[in-house]
Amino acid sequence: MSTILFHLAFPVTDLQETKRFYVDGLGCSLGRESAHSVILDLRGHQIVAQLTDQSLAPPKGIYPRHFGLVFTAVEDWQALADRAKAKGLRFYQQPRRRFPGTKIEHTTFFLEDPFHNLLEFKHYTHESAIFGERDFSQVGDTGGKPAD
């Protein structure tokens, strides 16, 4: 079976600031660059920061739009949380545990990039919850506002 990679393009207003957050802060590898975009390797997936002159407003919550990664090893999730703290990245929601004691239990945190794009990073206690556990109807939290 061939390897299939995820691709996502998202808006930014400053490419230098994009590289500071995603490369220096988050640890992405830098790919091709142009005057209008930069390609980044986010743990083997292609994300593309596209320059815009539109005003990018802060989010009112994590819904309906955010993107990120699901880690299959809790150690990798924790290492990224530790790196984000050490690099001074802005947490939209601090690391926490959701749905404890259930089959959909997971740890999660949200970062906000300098352009108000939200990124979620999570690890499920039970790998079956990534795509399964259809008996549970919970998908996310109500509201999605920053945690205290």
Protein backbone atom coordinates (compact mmCIF):
# COMPACT_ATOMS: atom_id res chain seq x y z
CA MET A 1 0.00 0.00 0.00
CA SER A 2 1.30 3.43 -0.88
CA THR A 3 1.75 6.19 1.68
CA ILE A 4 -1.00 8.79 1.70
CA LEU A 5 -0.35 12.18 3.27
CA PHE A 6 -2.80 14.75 4.57
CA HIS A 7 -2.69 18.25 3.04
CA LEU A 8 -4.14 21.42 4.54
CA ALA A 9 -3.81 25.08 3.51
CA PHE A 10 -4.53 27.86 6.00
CA PRO A 11 -4.34 31.67 6.04
CA VAL A 12 -1.51 33.76 7.51
CA THR A 13 -0.54 37.43 7.23
CA ASP A 14 3.24 37.19 7.76
CA LEU A 15 5.48 34.41 6.44
CA GLN A 16 8.41 35.18 8.77
CA GLU A 17 6.14 34.97 11.81
CA THR A 18 4.69 31.76 10.37
CA LYS A 19 8.17 30.21 10.27
CA ARG A 20 8.91 31.36 13.82
CA PHE A 21 5.77 29.66 15.15
CA TYR A 22 5.66 26.51 13.02
CA VAL A 23 9.38 25.78 12.48
CA ASP A 24 11.14 27.28 15.50
CA GLY A 25 8.24 26.77 17.92
CA LEU A 26 6.28 23.71 16.85
CA GLY A 27 9.20 21.90 15.22
CA CYS A 28 7.86 21.58 11.67
CA SER A 29 10.35 21.07 8.86
CA LEU A 30 10.45 23.84 6.27
CA GLY A 31 9.68 22.97 2.67
CA ARG A 32 9.38 25.15 -0.42
CA GLU A 33 8.73 28.86 -0.09
CA SER A 34 7.39 31.54 -2.38
CA ALA A 35 6.48 35.17 -1.88
CA HIS A 36 2.92 34.03 -1.05
CA SER A 37 3.21 30.71 0.77
CA VAL A 38 5.37 28.30 2.69
CA ILE A 39 5.10 24.51 2.79
CA LEU A 40 5.61 22.87 6.18
CA ASP A 41 6.06 19.26 7.25
CA LEU A 42 3.84 18.66 10.29
CA ARG A 43 4.95 15.21 11.44
CA GLY A 44 4.82 13.80 7.92
CA HIS A 45 1.81 15.78 6.68
CA GLN A 46 1.87 18.75 4.35
CA ILE A 47 0.44 22.00 5.63
CA VAL A 48 0.68 25.16 3.57
CA ALA A 49 0.57 28.67 5.01
CA GLN A 50 -1.01 30.94 2.40
CA LEU A 51 -0.46 34.68 2.66
CA THR A 52 -3.64 36.76 2.77
CA ASP A 53 -4.35 40.45 3.11
CA GLN A 54 -7.70 39.74 4.76
CA SER A 55 -8.13 40.55 8.42
CA LEU A 56 -7.89 37.36 10.51
CA ALA A 57 -10.11 37.65 13.57
CA PRO A 58 -9.56 35.77 16.83
CA PRO A 59 -11.79 32.71 17.14
CA LYS A 60 -14.90 32.70 19.31
CA GLY A 61 -14.17 29.10 20.23
CA ILE A 62 -12.60 25.91 18.96
CA TYR A 63 -15.63 25.15 16.79
CA PRO A 64 -16.26 25.00 13.95
CA ARG A 65 -12.63 25.17 12.73
CA HIS A 66 -9.35 23.81 13.99
CA PHE A 67 -6.79 21.25 12.84
CA GLY A 68 -4.04 19.17 14.40
CA LEU A 69 -2.72 15.72 15.12
CA VAL A 70 -3.79 12.58 16.96
CA PHE A 71 -0.78 10.94 18.61
CA THR A 72 -0.71 7.17 19.06
CA ALA A 73 1.99 7.38 21.77
CA VAL A 74 1.29 9.47 24.87
CA GLU A 75 5.02 10.15 25.21
CA ASP A 76 5.05 11.92 21.83
CA TRP A 77 1.98 13.96 22.83
CA GLN A 78 3.63 14.95 26.12
CA ALA A 79 6.90 15.85 24.36
CA LEU A 80 5.05 18.26 22.07
CA ALA A 81 3.14 19.79 25.00
CA ASP A 82 6.46 20.28 26.82
CA ARG A 83 8.06 21.79 23.72
CA ALA A 84 5.16 24.21 23.21
CA LYS A 85 5.51 25.39 26.82
CA ALA A 86 9.30 25.70 26.57
CA LYS A 87 9.03 27.69 23.31
CA GLY A 88 6.41 30.02 24.79
CA LEU A 89 3.70 29.12 22.27
CA ARG A 90 0.22 30.45 23.04
CA PHE A 91 -2.08 27.83 24.55
CA TYR A 92 -5.71 28.39 23.66
CA GLN A 93 -6.55 25.51 26.00
CA GLN A 94 -4.02 24.03 28.40
CA PRO A 95 -3.29 20.29 28.38
CA ARG A 96 -6.11 18.39 30.02
CA ARG A 97 -7.98 15.10 30.10
CA ARG A 98 -11.42 14.79 28.48
CA PHE A 99 -14.06 12.14 29.15
CA PRO A 100 -12.04 10.41 31.92
CA GLY A 101 -12.88 6.80 32.70
CA THR A 102 -14.61 6.19 29.36
CA LYS A 103 -13.59 4.48 26.13
CA ILE A 104 -13.22 7.94 24.53
CA GLU A 105 -10.90 9.31 27.21
CA HIS A 106 -8.13 11.43 25.79
CA THR A 107 -5.61 14.11 26.63
CA THR A 108 -5.68 17.28 24.56
CA PHE A 109 -4.39 20.79 24.22
CA PHE A 110 -5.01 23.61 21.77
CA LEU A 111 -2.49 26.13 20.47
CA GLU A 112 -3.29 29.40 18.72
CA ASP A 113 -0.87 30.53 16.05
CA PRO A 114 -0.11 34.26 15.53
CA PHE A 115 -2.90 34.40 12.92
CA HIS A 116 -5.61 32.91 15.16
CA ASN A 117 -5.55 29.46 13.57
CA LEU A 118 -6.27 26.85 16.24
CA LEU A 119 -4.36 23.58 16.40
CA GLU A 120 -5.40 20.61 18.54
CA PHE A 121 -3.07 17.83 19.63
CA LYS A 122 -4.50 14.77 21.34
CA HIS A 123 -3.86 11.22 22.46
CA TYR A 124 -6.61 8.67 23.08
CA THR A 125 -6.23 6.25 25.98
CA HIS A 126 -7.99 3.62 23.85
CA GLU A 127 -6.89 3.66 20.22
CA SER A 128 -10.33 2.34 19.21
CA ALA A 129 -11.75 5.81 19.95
CA ILE A 130 -9.85 7.44 17.09
CA PHE A 131 -12.41 6.27 14.53
CA GLY A 132 -14.68 4.00 16.52
CA GLU A 133 -16.64 3.76 19.76
CA ARG A 134 -19.82 4.68 17.94
CA ASP A 135 -21.88 3.99 21.09
CA PHE A 136 -20.61 7.33 22.43
CA SER A 137 -22.25 10.46 21.05
CA GLN A 138 -19.78 12.97 22.54
CA VAL A 139 -17.63 14.72 19.98
CA GLY A 140 -15.79 17.61 21.58
CA ASP A 141 -17.08 19.94 24.26
CA THR A 142 -20.00 22.29 24.26
CA GLY A 143 -18.97 25.88 23.80
CA GLY A 144 -15.33 25.37 22.96
CA LYS A 145 -14.21 28.51 24.79
CA PRO A 146 -10.75 28.69 26.35
CA ALA A 147 -10.48 26.75 29.61
CA ASP A 148 -9.76 28.63 32.83
